[in-house]
Amino acid sequence: MGQKSLNLQLQRIGVCDSTECISTFEDDYTKFRTIWAEQGDEVSLQYAGTYALKGDLVRYGKQTMTGAIKDGLSAMSRYYLNNFQDGVRQDALDLISGRYTVGTHSPSQLQPIGSQPSFLPVASALLIGGVTVTSFTIHQAGRNTQQYLASALWAGVTAGVVAMIKANGRHLTSRPRLCHLI
């Protein structure tokens, strides 16, 4: 859409005729794609906290292995930021945009109510530890019954942690407090 819009503007001001477009001027087209990709990165950094996905596709016209790896890392970062860091950010946007107005006679929701411990590190450590120990004991389970029972025990503990995370997932995430969206 950006390229099409630029082509129409260049044709209207007489820089290009109706048969020409920005892609016919290789140096200018490369600059345009670079600027377009960098603008996308800046907007994405402000909105999502990571660089834009598929930036190499915009810059080079094809997906590269380096770009795919960067996209994967950005996707994982976005998942973490959206689920575990974004509540306060959304509250700030709600305040600045006027979506939430502070009442003069009501208690402020901006102050933390009691202590709100984060269970995410504990749940993550239990899950990673459970998967690691289960994998290790499964590898050695064929040797004797005791190893097999240990493997089954750790698999059960890991399944229990997964069930706990699934049941209490909302308590592990960072949610907005001012305008309750969900």
N, C-alpha and C. Protein backbone atom coordinates (compact mmCIF):
# COMPACT_ATOMS: atom_id res chain seq x y z
N MET A 1 0.83 -1.19 0.00
CA MET A 1 0.00 0.00 0.00
C MET A 1 0.87 1.26 0.00
N GLY A 2 1.96 1.22 0.76
CA GLY A 2 2.85 2.37 0.80
C GLY A 2 3.49 2.63 -0.54
N GLN A 3 3.90 1.57 -1.21
CA GLN A 3 4.53 1.71 -2.52
C GLN A 3 3.52 2.23 -3.54
N LYS A 4 2.32 1.70 -3.48
CA LYS A 4 1.28 2.13 -4.43
C LYS A 4 0.95 3.61 -4.21
N SER A 5 0.86 4.01 -2.94
CA SER A 5 0.58 5.41 -2.62
C SER A 5 1.71 6.32 -3.11
N LEU A 6 2.95 5.90 -2.88
CA LEU A 6 4.10 6.69 -3.35
C LEU A 6 4.09 6.81 -4.87
N ASN A 7 3.80 5.71 -5.56
CA ASN A 7 3.74 5.75 -7.03
C ASN A 7 2.69 6.76 -7.52
N LEU A 8 1.51 6.73 -6.91
CA LEU A 8 0.45 7.67 -7.30
C LEU A 8 0.88 9.12 -7.04
N GLN A 9 1.52 9.37 -5.91
CA GLN A 9 1.96 10.73 -5.59
C GLN A 9 3.03 11.20 -6.57
N LEU A 10 3.99 10.33 -6.89
CA LEU A 10 5.04 10.70 -7.84
C LEU A 10 4.47 10.96 -9.24
N GLN A 11 3.45 10.20 -9.62
CA GLN A 11 2.81 10.43 -10.92
C GLN A 11 2.02 11.73 -10.92
N ARG A 12 1.35 12.04 -9.81
CA ARG A 12 0.54 13.27 -9.74
C ARG A 12 1.40 14.53 -9.78
N ILE A 13 2.59 14.49 -9.19
CA ILE A 13 3.43 15.69 -9.20
C ILE A 13 4.35 15.74 -10.42
N GLY A 14 4.26 14.73 -11.29
CA GLY A 14 4.98 14.74 -12.54
C GLY A 14 6.39 14.19 -12.51
N VAL A 15 6.78 13.54 -11.44
CA VAL A 15 8.12 12.94 -11.37
C VAL A 15 8.17 11.68 -12.23
N CYS A 16 7.10 10.93 -12.23
CA CYS A 16 6.99 9.69 -13.03
C CYS A 16 5.80 9.83 -13.97
N ASP A 17 5.88 9.17 -15.12
CA ASP A 17 4.69 9.12 -15.96
C ASP A 17 3.87 7.89 -15.57
N SER A 18 2.77 7.67 -16.24
CA SER A 18 1.84 6.61 -15.83
C SER A 18 2.42 5.20 -16.00
N THR A 19 3.46 5.04 -16.80
CA THR A 19 4.05 3.71 -16.99
C THR A 19 5.21 3.44 -16.02
N GLU A 20 5.69 4.47 -15.33
CA GLU A 20 6.82 4.30 -14.42
C GLU A 20 6.33 4.16 -12.98
N CYS A 21 7.17 3.53 -12.19
CA CYS A 21 6.90 3.43 -10.76
C CYS A 21 8.24 3.48 -10.01
N ILE A 22 8.18 3.56 -8.72
CA ILE A 22 9.39 3.71 -7.91
C ILE A 22 10.35 2.53 -8.10
N SER A 23 9.82 1.35 -8.37
CA SER A 23 10.69 0.18 -8.51
C SER A 23 11.56 0.23 -9.77
N THR A 24 11.24 1.10 -10.72
CA THR A 24 12.09 1.22 -11.91
C THR A 24 13.38 1.98 -11.62
N PHE A 25 13.41 2.71 -10.53
CA PHE A 25 14.61 3.45 -10.11
C PHE A 25 15.24 2.68 -8.94
N GLU A 26 16.19 1.81 -9.26
CA GLU A 26 16.72 0.84 -8.29
C GLU A 26 17.25 1.48 -7.01
N ASP A 27 18.07 2.52 -7.12
CA ASP A 27 18.64 3.15 -5.91
C ASP A 27 17.54 3.76 -5.05
N ASP A 28 16.62 4.46 -5.68
CA ASP A 28 15.53 5.09 -4.94
C ASP A 28 14.61 4.03 -4.31
N TYR A 29 14.39 2.95 -5.04
CA TYR A 29 13.53 1.88 -4.52
C TYR A 29 14.17 1.22 -3.31
N THR A 30 15.48 1.02 -3.34
CA THR A 30 16.18 0.44 -2.19
C THR A 30 16.07 1.37 -0.98
N LYS A 31 16.25 2.67 -1.21
CA LYS A 31 16.11 3.64 -0.11
C LYS A 31 14.69 3.63 0.44
N PHE A 32 13.70 3.59 -0.46
CA PHE A 32 12.30 3.57 -0.03
C PHE A 32 12.02 2.35 0.85
N ARG A 33 12.46 1.19 0.41
CA ARG A 33 12.22 -0.03 1.19
C ARG A 33 12.91 0.03 2.54
N THR A 34 14.12 0.56 2.59
CA THR A 34 14.84 0.68 3.85
C THR A 34 14.12 1.64 4.80
N ILE A 35 13.72 2.79 4.29
CA ILE A 35 12.99 3.76 5.12
C ILE A 35 11.68 3.17 5.59
N TRP A 36 10.97 2.47 4.71
CA TRP A 36 9.69 1.87 5.06
C TRP A 36 9.87 0.82 6.17
N ALA A 37 10.90 0.00 6.05
CA ALA A 37 11.17 -1.03 7.06
C ALA A 37 11.57 -0.39 8.39
N GLU A 38 12.39 0.66 8.34
CA GLU A 38 12.81 1.32 9.58
C GLU A 38 11.64 2.01 10.27
N GLN A 39 10.74 2.59 9.48
CA GLN A 39 9.55 3.19 10.06
C GLN A 39 8.68 2.11 10.72
N GLY A 40 8.56 0.98 10.06
CA GLY A 40 7.81 -0.13 10.65
C GLY A 40 8.42 -0.60 11.95
N ASP A 41 9.76 -0.65 12.01
CA ASP A 41 10.44 -1.03 13.24
C ASP A 41 10.15 -0.04 14.36
N GLU A 42 10.18 1.25 14.06
CA GLU A 42 9.95 2.27 15.09
C GLU A 42 8.51 2.20 15.62
N VAL A 43 7.55 2.06 14.72
CA VAL A 43 6.16 1.94 15.15
C VAL A 43 5.97 0.68 15.99
N SER A 44 6.56 -0.41 15.54
CA SER A 44 6.45 -1.67 16.27
C SER A 44 7.10 -1.60 17.64
N LEU A 45 8.25 -0.94 17.74
CA LEU A 45 8.91 -0.78 19.04
C LEU A 45 8.01 -0.04 20.02
N GLN A 46 7.33 0.99 19.54
CA GLN A 46 6.44 1.75 20.42
C GLN A 46 5.21 0.94 20.80
N TYR A 47 4.67 0.21 19.85
CA TYR A 47 3.41 -0.50 20.08
C TYR A 47 3.61 -1.85 20.75
N ALA A 48 4.57 -2.65 20.25
CA ALA A 48 4.71 -4.03 20.72
C ALA A 48 5.96 -4.27 21.56
N GLY A 49 6.90 -3.33 21.55
CA GLY A 49 8.11 -3.50 22.34
C GLY A 49 9.22 -4.26 21.63
N THR A 50 9.00 -4.66 20.39
CA THR A 50 10.02 -5.36 19.60
C THR A 50 10.01 -4.79 18.19
N TYR A 51 11.04 -5.17 17.43
CA TYR A 51 11.08 -4.75 16.03
C TYR A 51 9.96 -5.42 15.25
N ALA A 52 9.61 -4.83 14.11
CA ALA A 52 8.55 -5.37 13.27
C ALA A 52 8.94 -6.75 12.74
N LEU A 53 7.94 -7.59 12.62
CA LEU A 53 8.16 -8.91 12.02
C LEU A 53 8.22 -8.75 10.50
N LYS A 54 8.92 -9.65 9.86
CA LYS A 54 9.07 -9.68 8.39
C LYS A 54 9.77 -8.45 7.84
N GLY A 55 10.65 -7.83 8.63
CA GLY A 55 11.38 -6.64 8.18
C GLY A 55 12.29 -6.93 7.00
N ASP A 56 12.89 -8.12 6.98
CA ASP A 56 13.77 -8.45 5.85
C ASP A 56 12.98 -8.64 4.56
N LEU A 57 11.74 -9.05 4.68
CA LEU A 57 10.89 -9.19 3.50
C LEU A 57 10.65 -7.81 2.86
N VAL A 58 10.47 -6.80 3.70
CA VAL A 58 10.28 -5.44 3.20
C VAL A 58 11.60 -4.89 2.65
N ARG A 59 12.69 -5.11 3.38
CA ARG A 59 13.98 -4.55 2.97
C ARG A 59 14.53 -5.21 1.71
N TYR A 60 14.48 -6.53 1.65
CA TYR A 60 15.17 -7.27 0.58
C TYR A 60 14.24 -7.96 -0.40
N GLY A 61 12.95 -7.99 -0.10
CA GLY A 61 12.01 -8.64 -0.99
C GLY A 61 11.93 -10.14 -0.82
N LYS A 62 12.64 -10.68 0.19
CA LYS A 62 12.59 -12.12 0.46
C LYS A 62 12.89 -12.37 1.94
N GLN A 63 12.43 -13.51 2.42
CA GLN A 63 12.67 -13.91 3.81
C GLN A 63 14.06 -14.53 3.90
N THR A 64 14.87 -14.08 4.86
CA THR A 64 16.20 -14.65 5.05
C THR A 64 16.22 -15.47 6.33
N MET A 65 17.23 -16.33 6.47
CA MET A 65 17.34 -17.15 7.68
C MET A 65 17.56 -16.26 8.90
N THR A 66 18.41 -15.24 8.76
CA THR A 66 18.64 -14.31 9.87
C THR A 66 17.34 -13.61 10.25
N GLY A 67 16.57 -13.22 9.25
CA GLY A 67 15.29 -12.57 9.51
C GLY A 67 14.31 -13.50 10.19
N ALA A 68 14.30 -14.77 9.79
CA ALA A 68 13.40 -15.74 10.42
C ALA A 68 13.77 -15.94 11.89
N ILE A 69 15.07 -15.97 12.18
CA ILE A 69 15.52 -16.11 13.58
C ILE A 69 15.12 -14.88 14.38
N LYS A 70 15.34 -13.68 13.80
CA LYS A 70 14.95 -12.45 14.49
C LYS A 70 13.44 -12.41 14.72
N ASP A 71 12.67 -12.86 13.73
CA ASP A 71 11.22 -12.91 13.89
C ASP A 71 10.81 -13.85 15.01
N GLY A 72 11.47 -15.00 15.10
CA GLY A 72 11.18 -15.94 16.18
C GLY A 72 11.49 -15.35 17.54
N LEU A 73 12.64 -14.69 17.67
CA LEU A 73 13.00 -14.05 18.93
C LEU A 73 12.03 -12.92 19.27
N SER A 74 11.65 -12.15 18.26
CA SER A 74 10.68 -11.07 18.49
C SER A 74 9.33 -11.63 18.92
N ALA A 75 8.91 -12.72 18.31
CA ALA A 75 7.62 -13.32 18.67
C ALA A 75 7.65 -13.81 20.12
N MET A 76 8.76 -14.44 20.53
CA MET A 76 8.86 -14.89 21.93
C MET A 76 8.89 -13.69 22.88
N SER A 77 9.61 -12.64 22.50
CA SER A 77 9.66 -11.43 23.33
C SER A 77 8.27 -10.81 23.45
N ARG A 78 7.56 -10.75 22.34
CA ARG A 78 6.20 -10.19 22.37
C ARG A 78 5.28 -11.00 23.27
N TYR A 79 5.40 -12.32 23.20
CA TYR A 79 4.57 -13.16 24.06
C TYR A 79 4.84 -12.83 25.52
N TYR A 80 6.12 -12.75 25.89
CA TYR A 80 6.48 -12.44 27.27
C TYR A 80 5.98 -11.04 27.66
N LEU A 81 6.28 -10.05 26.82
CA LEU A 81 5.89 -8.68 27.15
C LEU A 81 4.38 -8.53 27.24
N ASN A 82 3.64 -9.11 26.30
CA ASN A 82 2.18 -8.98 26.30
C ASN A 82 1.54 -9.66 27.49
N ASN A 83 2.09 -10.78 27.93
CA ASN A 83 1.46 -11.52 29.01
C ASN A 83 1.96 -11.17 30.40
N PHE A 84 3.20 -10.71 30.51
CA PHE A 84 3.77 -10.55 31.84
C PHE A 84 4.26 -9.14 32.15
N GLN A 85 4.22 -8.22 31.19
CA GLN A 85 4.72 -6.87 31.45
C GLN A 85 3.77 -5.76 31.01
N ASP A 86 2.73 -6.07 30.29
CA ASP A 86 1.94 -5.04 29.61
C ASP A 86 0.82 -4.42 30.43
N GLY A 87 0.48 -4.96 31.59
CA GLY A 87 -0.63 -4.41 32.37
C GLY A 87 -0.41 -2.96 32.76
N VAL A 88 0.77 -2.65 33.27
CA VAL A 88 1.09 -1.28 33.68
C VAL A 88 1.11 -0.36 32.47
N ARG A 89 1.64 -0.84 31.38
CA ARG A 89 1.70 -0.05 30.14
C ARG A 89 0.29 0.30 29.66
N GLN A 90 -0.62 -0.66 29.70
CA GLN A 90 -1.99 -0.40 29.28
C GLN A 90 -2.66 0.59 30.22
N ASP A 91 -2.39 0.48 31.53
CA ASP A 91 -2.93 1.46 32.48
C ASP A 91 -2.45 2.87 32.15
N ALA A 92 -1.17 3.01 31.81
CA ALA A 92 -0.62 4.32 31.45
C ALA A 92 -1.31 4.87 30.20
N LEU A 93 -1.53 4.02 29.20
CA LEU A 93 -2.22 4.47 27.98
C LEU A 93 -3.66 4.87 28.29
N ASP A 94 -4.33 4.12 29.17
CA ASP A 94 -5.70 4.47 29.55
C ASP A 94 -5.75 5.81 30.26
N LEU A 95 -4.77 6.10 31.11
CA LEU A 95 -4.71 7.38 31.80
C LEU A 95 -4.44 8.53 30.84
N ILE A 96 -3.43 8.36 29.98
CA ILE A 96 -3.04 9.43 29.06
C ILE A 96 -4.13 9.73 28.04
N SER A 97 -4.79 8.69 27.55
CA SER A 97 -5.82 8.88 26.52
C SER A 97 -7.14 9.38 27.09
N GLY A 98 -7.29 9.37 28.41
CA GLY A 98 -8.54 9.81 29.02
C GLY A 98 -9.58 8.72 29.11
N ARG A 99 -9.23 7.52 28.74
CA ARG A 99 -10.18 6.40 28.84
C ARG A 99 -10.53 6.13 30.29
N TYR A 100 -9.57 6.37 31.19
CA TYR A 100 -9.81 6.24 32.63
C TYR A 100 -9.59 7.61 33.26
N THR A 101 -10.55 8.06 34.04
CA THR A 101 -10.39 9.32 34.76
C THR A 101 -10.36 9.02 36.25
N VAL A 102 -9.47 9.72 36.93
CA VAL A 102 -9.30 9.52 38.36
C VAL A 102 -10.42 10.24 39.09
N GLY A 103 -11.14 9.51 39.94
CA GLY A 103 -12.21 10.11 40.74
C GLY A 103 -11.62 10.82 41.96
N THR A 104 -12.19 11.98 42.30
CA THR A 104 -11.64 12.74 43.43
C THR A 104 -12.05 12.17 44.77
N HIS A 105 -13.17 11.47 44.84
CA HIS A 105 -13.66 10.97 46.12
C HIS A 105 -13.58 9.45 46.25
N SER A 106 -13.01 8.79 45.29
CA SER A 106 -12.90 7.32 45.36
C SER A 106 -11.43 6.95 45.57
N PRO A 107 -11.19 5.78 46.17
CA PRO A 107 -9.80 5.37 46.38
C PRO A 107 -9.09 5.15 45.04
N SER A 108 -7.84 5.51 45.00
CA SER A 108 -7.06 5.39 43.78
C SER A 108 -6.74 3.94 43.48
N GLN A 109 -6.97 3.55 42.24
CA GLN A 109 -6.60 2.21 41.81
C GLN A 109 -5.15 2.16 41.35
N LEU A 110 -4.48 3.30 41.40
CA LEU A 110 -3.09 3.35 40.98
C LEU A 110 -2.15 2.78 42.03
N GLN A 111 -2.57 2.76 43.28
CA GLN A 111 -1.75 2.22 44.35
C GLN A 111 -1.95 0.71 44.42
N PRO A 112 -0.87 -0.03 44.60
CA PRO A 112 -1.03 -1.49 44.75
C PRO A 112 -1.86 -1.81 45.99
N ILE A 113 -2.78 -2.71 45.85
CA ILE A 113 -3.62 -3.14 46.96
C ILE A 113 -2.95 -4.33 47.61
N GLY A 114 -2.33 -4.12 48.77
CA GLY A 114 -1.60 -5.20 49.42
C GLY A 114 -0.39 -5.59 48.59
N SER A 115 0.24 -6.65 48.98
CA SER A 115 1.37 -7.11 48.18
C SER A 115 0.86 -8.08 47.13
N GLN A 116 1.36 -7.94 45.94
CA GLN A 116 0.95 -8.80 44.85
C GLN A 116 2.16 -9.58 44.36
N PRO A 117 2.41 -10.72 44.98
CA PRO A 117 3.60 -11.49 44.59
C PRO A 117 3.44 -12.05 43.18
N SER A 118 4.55 -12.17 42.51
CA SER A 118 4.54 -12.77 41.18
C SER A 118 4.90 -14.25 41.32
N PHE A 119 4.00 -15.09 40.88
CA PHE A 119 4.24 -16.53 40.94
C PHE A 119 4.88 -17.06 39.67
N LEU A 120 5.07 -16.19 38.69
CA LEU A 120 5.64 -16.62 37.42
C LEU A 120 7.01 -17.25 37.56
N PRO A 121 7.97 -16.65 38.30
CA PRO A 121 9.28 -17.30 38.41
C PRO A 121 9.21 -18.69 39.04
N VAL A 122 8.38 -18.84 40.06
CA VAL A 122 8.25 -20.15 40.72
C VAL A 122 7.63 -21.17 39.76
N ALA A 123 6.55 -20.77 39.09
CA ALA A 123 5.89 -21.68 38.15
C ALA A 123 6.82 -22.05 37.00
N SER A 124 7.56 -21.08 36.50
CA SER A 124 8.50 -21.35 35.40
C SER A 124 9.60 -22.30 35.84
N ALA A 125 10.16 -22.06 37.03
CA ALA A 125 11.23 -22.92 37.54
C ALA A 125 10.72 -24.34 37.76
N LEU A 126 9.52 -24.48 38.32
CA LEU A 126 8.96 -25.82 38.53
C LEU A 126 8.71 -26.53 37.21
N LEU A 127 8.19 -25.81 36.23
CA LEU A 127 7.91 -26.42 34.93
C LEU A 127 9.19 -26.85 34.23
N ILE A 128 10.16 -25.96 34.17
CA ILE A 128 11.43 -26.29 33.51
C ILE A 128 12.15 -27.40 34.25
N GLY A 129 12.17 -27.31 35.58
CA GLY A 129 12.81 -28.36 36.38
C GLY A 129 12.12 -29.70 36.22
N GLY A 130 10.78 -29.69 36.22
CA GLY A 130 10.03 -30.93 36.06
C GLY A 130 10.27 -31.59 34.72
N VAL A 131 10.27 -30.79 33.66
CA VAL A 131 10.52 -31.33 32.32
C VAL A 131 11.94 -31.88 32.23
N THR A 132 12.90 -31.15 32.81
CA THR A 132 14.30 -31.60 32.77
C THR A 132 14.49 -32.91 33.51
N VAL A 133 13.98 -32.98 34.74
CA VAL A 133 14.15 -34.21 35.53
C VAL A 133 13.38 -35.36 34.91
N THR A 134 12.18 -35.10 34.40
CA THR A 134 11.41 -36.15 33.73
C THR A 134 12.18 -36.69 32.53
N SER A 135 12.73 -35.80 31.72
CA SER A 135 13.50 -36.24 30.55
C SER A 135 14.71 -37.07 30.96
N PHE A 136 15.40 -36.63 32.00
CA PHE A 136 16.58 -37.35 32.47
C PHE A 136 16.21 -38.74 33.00
N THR A 137 15.13 -38.81 33.79
CA THR A 137 14.75 -40.11 34.37
C THR A 137 14.15 -41.04 33.33
N ILE A 138 13.46 -40.50 32.32
CA ILE A 138 12.93 -41.36 31.25
C ILE A 138 14.08 -42.01 30.49
N HIS A 139 15.14 -41.25 30.29
CA HIS A 139 16.31 -41.78 29.58
C HIS A 139 16.90 -42.99 30.30
N GLN A 140 16.83 -42.99 31.63
CA GLN A 140 17.41 -44.09 32.40
C GLN A 140 16.36 -45.08 32.91
N ALA A 141 15.10 -44.91 32.53
CA ALA A 141 14.02 -45.73 33.08
C ALA A 141 14.11 -47.20 32.68
N GLY A 142 14.69 -47.50 31.56
CA GLY A 142 14.75 -48.88 31.11
C GLY A 142 15.65 -49.77 31.95
N ARG A 143 16.45 -49.21 32.82
CA ARG A 143 17.42 -49.99 33.58
C ARG A 143 16.81 -50.74 34.75
N ASN A 144 15.90 -50.09 35.50
CA ASN A 144 15.28 -50.80 36.62
C ASN A 144 13.95 -50.16 37.00
N THR A 145 13.23 -50.84 37.86
CA THR A 145 11.89 -50.41 38.26
C THR A 145 11.94 -49.11 39.04
N GLN A 146 12.93 -48.94 39.87
CA GLN A 146 13.04 -47.73 40.68
C GLN A 146 13.17 -46.49 39.78
N GLN A 147 13.96 -46.59 38.74
CA GLN A 147 14.10 -45.48 37.80
C GLN A 147 12.79 -45.21 37.06
N TYR A 148 12.08 -46.28 36.73
CA TYR A 148 10.80 -46.15 36.06
C TYR A 148 9.80 -45.42 36.96
N LEU A 149 9.75 -45.78 38.25
CA LEU A 149 8.85 -45.13 39.19
C LEU A 149 9.23 -43.65 39.39
N ALA A 150 10.53 -43.38 39.46
CA ALA A 150 10.98 -41.99 39.59
C ALA A 150 10.55 -41.18 38.37
N SER A 151 10.66 -41.78 37.20
CA SER A 151 10.26 -41.11 35.98
C SER A 151 8.76 -40.82 35.99
N ALA A 152 7.96 -41.80 36.40
CA ALA A 152 6.51 -41.62 36.48
C ALA A 152 6.16 -40.54 37.50
N LEU A 153 6.86 -40.51 38.63
CA LEU A 153 6.62 -39.50 39.66
C LEU A 153 6.89 -38.10 39.11
N TRP A 154 8.04 -37.92 38.47
CA TRP A 154 8.38 -36.60 37.94
C TRP A 154 7.45 -36.20 36.79
N ALA A 155 7.01 -37.16 36.00
CA ALA A 155 6.04 -36.85 34.94
C ALA A 155 4.73 -36.38 35.57
N GLY A 156 4.32 -37.02 36.67
CA GLY A 156 3.11 -36.60 37.38
C GLY A 156 3.25 -35.21 37.99
N VAL A 157 4.41 -34.93 38.59
CA VAL A 157 4.65 -33.59 39.15
C VAL A 157 4.61 -32.54 38.04
N THR A 158 5.23 -32.84 36.93
CA THR A 158 5.23 -31.90 35.80
C THR A 158 3.81 -31.68 35.28
N ALA A 159 3.04 -32.75 35.16
CA ALA A 159 1.64 -32.62 34.72
C ALA A 159 0.84 -31.79 35.72
N GLY A 160 1.10 -31.98 37.01
CA GLY A 160 0.43 -31.17 38.03
C GLY A 160 0.77 -29.69 37.92
N VAL A 161 2.03 -29.39 37.66
CA VAL A 161 2.44 -27.99 37.49
C VAL A 161 1.76 -27.39 36.26
N VAL A 162 1.71 -28.15 35.17
CA VAL A 162 1.04 -27.67 33.96
C VAL A 162 -0.44 -27.41 34.24
N ALA A 163 -1.09 -28.31 34.98
CA ALA A 163 -2.51 -28.12 35.32
C ALA A 163 -2.69 -26.88 36.20
N MET A 164 -1.76 -26.67 37.15
CA MET A 164 -1.84 -25.50 38.02
C MET A 164 -1.68 -24.21 37.21
N ILE A 165 -0.74 -24.21 36.29
CA ILE A 165 -0.52 -23.03 35.45
C ILE A 165 -1.75 -22.77 34.58
N LYS A 166 -2.32 -23.84 34.03
CA LYS A 166 -3.50 -23.68 33.19
C LYS A 166 -4.70 -23.16 33.99
N ALA A 167 -4.87 -23.66 35.21
CA ALA A 167 -6.00 -23.25 36.03
C ALA A 167 -5.83 -21.83 36.59
N ASN A 168 -4.60 -21.43 36.86
CA ASN A 168 -4.35 -20.13 37.50
C ASN A 168 -3.59 -19.17 36.61
N GLY A 169 -3.66 -19.36 35.31
CA GLY A 169 -2.89 -18.54 34.39
C GLY A 169 -3.14 -17.05 34.50
N ARG A 170 -4.36 -16.66 34.80
CA ARG A 170 -4.68 -15.23 34.91
C ARG A 170 -3.94 -14.57 36.06
N HIS A 171 -3.63 -15.34 37.10
CA HIS A 171 -2.91 -14.79 38.24
C HIS A 171 -1.42 -14.65 37.95
N LEU A 172 -0.95 -15.28 36.90
CA LEU A 172 0.47 -15.22 36.55
C LEU A 172 0.77 -14.09 35.57
N THR A 173 -0.27 -13.51 34.98
CA THR A 173 -0.07 -12.49 33.96
C THR A 173 -0.20 -11.09 34.54
N SER A 174 0.31 -10.12 33.80
CA SER A 174 0.20 -8.71 34.17
C SER A 174 -1.01 -8.15 33.45
N ARG A 175 -2.03 -7.82 34.22
CA ARG A 175 -3.28 -7.34 33.62
C ARG A 175 -3.52 -5.89 33.99
N PRO A 176 -4.19 -5.13 33.12
CA PRO A 176 -4.50 -3.74 33.46
C PRO A 176 -5.46 -3.68 34.65
N ARG A 177 -5.26 -2.69 35.52
CA ARG A 177 -6.11 -2.55 36.70
C ARG A 177 -7.17 -1.47 36.55
N LEU A 178 -6.90 -0.47 35.72
CA LEU A 178 -7.79 0.68 35.68
C LEU A 178 -9.06 0.41 34.87
N CYS A 179 -8.92 0.00 33.65
CA CYS A 179 -10.06 -0.35 32.80
C CYS A 179 -10.01 -1.85 32.60
N HIS A 180 -10.84 -2.55 33.28
CA HIS A 180 -10.79 -4.01 33.25
C HIS A 180 -11.29 -4.50 31.90
N LEU A 181 -10.33 -4.79 31.01
CA LEU A 181 -10.67 -5.17 29.64
C LEU A 181 -11.20 -6.58 29.54
N ILE A 182 -10.69 -7.45 30.39
CA ILE A 182 -11.07 -8.86 30.29
C ILE A 182 -11.73 -9.29 31.58
